[in-house]
Amino acid sequence: MWTATGLLFLVKPGWRGAYESLDAFRDEAFDPMGLAPFSIVSAKPGEPGAAVRVEMGTTALGLVYRVHGSDGTRLVDARTGSVISPLDRDAATKVAVDATSRARAVERYGAVRESREDGDTIEVAFEGGAVVRVGRSDLSLAQSGADTSRIDLLYRLHYLQWTGIAAIDRPLALAAIGGTWILAALGLRLFRKRPDA
């Protein structure tokens, strides 16, 4: 099991996009003229809503400020200064489709099959089997698919995380490692033993 899963981790067959990071922000130049003044995006230091970090970039929704503050993260239209978070399902789906169109493994996506709201996340399922989770308040993106689940299972098998309960898995792993050393020692002894004449 260890050698087979280890070989799979080395070769990585068909794993091209299983853990690919997606980004809502495009690598694209923008015109800085007409941006909303920063004073309307953030409260004064010490007040609720004061920004501690701000990112800006072009998205499928246009130019967006991602404002990280002491009270959480919010999305602001960089042209008008209006808060656009939490994103609705249509806006989140638009962001997911745009991000997947720039992915290396585009075959994992395809057309949108369905979308659903799950708290502060919108899950967008694609015909290619992948699911993209879009953060409604921060434009965070996470994707997974059947290949991701399969690789995670192989990882757990390889690292002897069989039950998911550390109190059980740890002794089993120690027993497996001890058994491997015993088997190796017996093999070495047999290798060194000279055949009787």
Protein backbone atom coordinates (compact mmCIF):
# COMPACT_ATOMS: atom_id res chain seq x y z
CA MET A 1 0.00 0.00 0.00
CA TRP A 2 2.77 2.43 0.93
CA THR A 3 4.77 1.81 -2.23
CA ALA A 4 1.68 1.97 -4.49
CA THR A 5 0.39 5.23 -2.99
CA GLY A 6 3.93 6.62 -2.86
CA LEU A 7 4.34 5.90 -6.57
CA LEU A 8 1.03 7.64 -7.29
CA PHE A 9 2.18 10.70 -5.33
CA LEU A 10 5.38 10.72 -7.38
CA VAL A 11 3.77 10.30 -10.83
CA LYS A 12 0.51 12.22 -10.09
CA PRO A 13 -1.52 10.78 -12.98
CA GLY A 14 -4.42 13.04 -13.95
CA TRP A 15 -3.93 15.27 -10.91
CA ARG A 16 -3.31 18.41 -12.92
CA GLY A 17 -6.12 20.51 -11.50
CA ALA A 18 -7.12 18.73 -8.30
CA TYR A 19 -5.59 21.40 -6.04
CA GLU A 20 -5.27 24.30 -8.46
CA SER A 21 -5.80 27.69 -6.85
CA LEU A 22 -8.34 29.97 -8.46
CA ASP A 23 -8.31 33.75 -8.17
CA ALA A 24 -11.24 36.14 -8.46
CA PHE A 25 -8.85 38.96 -9.39
CA ARG A 26 -7.62 39.09 -12.98
CA ASP A 27 -4.05 39.96 -13.96
CA GLU A 28 -5.18 42.88 -16.02
CA ALA A 29 -4.36 46.59 -16.09
CA PHE A 30 -7.05 49.09 -15.17
CA ASP A 31 -7.60 52.84 -15.46
CA PRO A 32 -7.04 54.43 -12.03
CA MET A 33 -9.12 57.47 -12.98
CA GLY A 34 -12.55 57.59 -11.44
CA LEU A 35 -11.82 55.39 -8.42
CA ALA A 36 -13.92 56.00 -5.32
CA PRO A 37 -11.98 57.97 -2.72
CA PHE A 38 -10.57 55.74 -0.03
CA SER A 39 -12.15 57.91 2.69
CA ILE A 40 -15.62 56.55 1.82
CA VAL A 41 -14.37 52.95 1.75
CA SER A 42 -13.01 52.92 5.31
CA ALA A 43 -13.90 54.44 8.66
CA LYS A 44 -11.28 56.38 10.62
CA PRO A 45 -8.71 54.37 12.59
CA GLY A 46 -10.16 53.14 15.87
CA GLU A 47 -13.76 53.28 14.64
CA PRO A 48 -15.79 50.19 13.63
CA GLY A 49 -15.18 49.38 9.98
CA ALA A 50 -11.67 50.84 9.88
CA ALA A 51 -9.53 49.14 7.25
CA VAL A 52 -6.37 47.29 8.24
CA ARG A 53 -5.62 46.09 4.72
CA VAL A 54 -7.13 46.82 1.29
CA GLU A 55 -6.70 44.95 -1.99
CA MET A 56 -8.00 46.17 -5.32
CA GLY A 57 -8.30 44.53 -8.68
CA THR A 58 -10.41 43.77 -11.71
CA THR A 59 -12.96 40.99 -11.31
CA ALA A 60 -15.94 39.71 -13.24
CA LEU A 61 -17.91 42.31 -11.24
CA GLY A 62 -15.65 45.18 -12.29
CA LEU A 63 -13.06 46.94 -10.14
CA VAL A 64 -13.43 45.82 -6.54
CA TYR A 65 -11.85 46.83 -3.24
CA ARG A 66 -11.51 43.93 -0.79
CA VAL A 67 -11.41 45.72 2.55
CA HIS A 68 -10.15 43.77 5.56
CA GLY A 69 -11.18 45.46 8.78
CA SER A 70 -11.39 44.78 12.47
CA ASP A 71 -15.06 43.89 11.98
CA GLY A 72 -14.48 41.47 9.06
CA THR A 73 -14.02 41.67 5.31
CA ARG A 74 -16.28 43.47 2.86
CA LEU A 75 -16.33 44.04 -0.88
CA VAL A 76 -16.71 47.54 -2.25
CA ASP A 77 -17.27 48.68 -5.82
CA ALA A 78 -14.08 50.66 -6.51
CA ARG A 79 -15.84 53.07 -8.87
CA THR A 80 -18.93 53.96 -6.82
CA GLY A 81 -17.80 53.18 -3.26
CA SER A 82 -20.91 51.11 -2.58
CA VAL A 83 -20.65 47.90 -0.57
CA ILE A 84 -21.46 44.89 -2.78
CA SER A 85 -21.09 42.13 -0.21
CA PRO A 86 -22.51 39.74 0.67
CA LEU A 87 -22.63 38.67 -2.97
CA ASP A 88 -25.84 37.22 -4.31
CA ARG A 89 -25.90 33.89 -6.14
CA ASP A 90 -25.73 35.43 -9.63
CA ALA A 91 -22.71 37.59 -8.80
CA ALA A 92 -20.87 34.69 -7.12
CA THR A 93 -21.60 32.42 -10.10
CA LYS A 94 -20.24 35.09 -12.45
CA VAL A 95 -17.02 35.25 -10.38
CA ALA A 96 -16.69 31.43 -10.38
CA VAL A 97 -17.21 31.17 -14.15
CA ASP A 98 -14.65 33.91 -14.78
CA ALA A 99 -12.04 32.34 -12.48
CA THR A 100 -12.48 28.85 -13.97
CA SER A 101 -12.12 30.22 -17.50
CA ARG A 102 -8.54 31.15 -16.54
CA ALA A 103 -7.74 27.79 -14.89
CA ARG A 104 -5.03 25.47 -16.20
CA ALA A 105 -7.35 22.44 -16.04
CA VAL A 106 -10.42 23.95 -17.71
CA GLU A 107 -11.76 20.47 -18.53
CA ARG A 108 -12.74 20.09 -14.85
CA TYR A 109 -15.33 22.83 -15.21
CA GLY A 110 -17.42 23.47 -18.33
CA ALA A 111 -20.92 24.90 -18.04
CA VAL A 112 -22.56 25.66 -14.70
CA ARG A 113 -24.81 22.81 -13.60
CA GLU A 114 -26.24 24.43 -10.46
CA SER A 115 -25.47 26.82 -7.63
CA ARG A 116 -26.62 27.00 -4.05
CA GLU A 117 -26.14 29.19 -1.02
CA ASP A 118 -24.39 27.72 2.00
CA GLY A 119 -24.08 30.40 4.68
CA ASP A 120 -21.40 32.89 3.68
CA THR A 121 -20.48 30.74 0.68
CA ILE A 122 -22.04 30.11 -2.72
CA GLU A 123 -21.27 26.66 -4.14
CA VAL A 124 -21.18 26.52 -7.93
CA ALA A 125 -21.23 23.01 -9.45
CA PHE A 126 -19.90 22.54 -12.98
CA GLU A 127 -20.67 19.86 -15.57
CA GLY A 128 -17.01 18.75 -15.52
CA GLY A 129 -17.49 17.58 -11.93
CA ALA A 130 -15.72 20.33 -10.00
CA VAL A 131 -17.40 22.49 -7.37
CA VAL A 132 -16.21 26.04 -6.69
CA ARG A 133 -16.99 27.72 -3.38
CA VAL A 134 -17.10 31.53 -3.54
CA GLY A 135 -16.86 33.59 -0.35
CA ARG A 136 -19.73 36.06 -0.41
CA SER A 137 -17.90 38.61 1.73
CA ASP A 138 -14.29 38.23 0.61
CA LEU A 139 -14.23 36.72 -2.92
CA SER A 140 -12.23 33.75 -1.63
CA LEU A 141 -12.32 30.77 -4.01
CA ALA A 142 -11.84 27.08 -3.29
CA GLN A 143 -12.41 24.25 -5.75
CA SER A 144 -12.64 20.49 -5.42
CA GLY A 145 -13.90 17.52 -7.37
CA ALA A 146 -14.01 13.74 -7.38
CA ASP A 147 -10.28 13.66 -8.12
CA THR A 148 -9.58 15.79 -5.05
CA SER A 149 -11.57 13.40 -2.85
CA ARG A 150 -9.77 10.39 -4.35
CA ILE A 151 -6.34 11.94 -3.74
CA ASP A 152 -7.31 12.88 -0.17
CA LEU A 153 -8.32 9.24 0.43
CA LEU A 154 -4.98 7.99 -0.95
CA TYR A 155 -3.19 10.49 1.29
CA ARG A 156 -5.02 9.20 4.37
CA LEU A 157 -4.20 5.61 3.41
CA HIS A 158 -0.54 6.41 2.76
CA TYR A 159 -0.11 8.21 6.07
CA LEU A 160 -2.09 5.59 8.01
CA GLN A 161 -4.98 7.90 8.85
CA TRP A 162 -7.48 5.08 8.45
CA THR A 163 -10.21 6.01 10.95
CA GLY A 164 -9.73 9.75 11.35
CA ILE A 165 -9.46 9.25 15.12
CA ALA A 166 -5.92 10.02 16.30
CA ALA A 167 -6.21 7.79 19.40
CA ILE A 168 -6.80 4.80 17.09
CA ASP A 169 -4.74 5.77 14.04
CA ARG A 170 -1.54 6.53 15.96
CA PRO A 171 -1.22 3.08 17.60
CA LEU A 172 -2.12 1.41 14.29
CA ALA A 173 0.58 3.44 12.53
CA LEU A 174 3.15 2.51 15.18
CA ALA A 175 2.18 -1.17 14.85
CA ALA A 176 2.45 -0.97 11.03
CA ILE A 177 5.85 0.72 11.23
CA GLY A 178 7.05 -1.85 13.79
CA GLY A 179 5.76 -4.67 11.57
CA THR A 180 7.62 -3.20 8.59
CA TRP A 181 10.90 -3.10 10.54
CA ILE A 182 10.39 -6.69 11.73
CA LEU A 183 9.65 -7.81 8.17
CA ALA A 184 12.74 -5.98 6.90
CA ALA A 185 14.91 -7.57 9.62
CA LEU A 186 13.59 -11.05 8.78
CA GLY A 187 14.25 -10.45 5.10
CA LEU A 188 17.79 -9.31 5.83
CA ARG A 189 18.38 -12.38 8.01
CA LEU A 190 17.13 -14.69 5.25
CA PHE A 191 19.30 -12.87 2.72
CA ARG A 192 22.43 -13.32 4.85
CA LYS A 193 21.72 -16.94 5.79
CA ARG A 194 23.85 -19.28 3.77
CA PRO A 195 22.20 -22.32 2.25
CA ASP A 196 23.22 -25.62 3.83
CA ALA A 197 25.74 -27.57 1.79
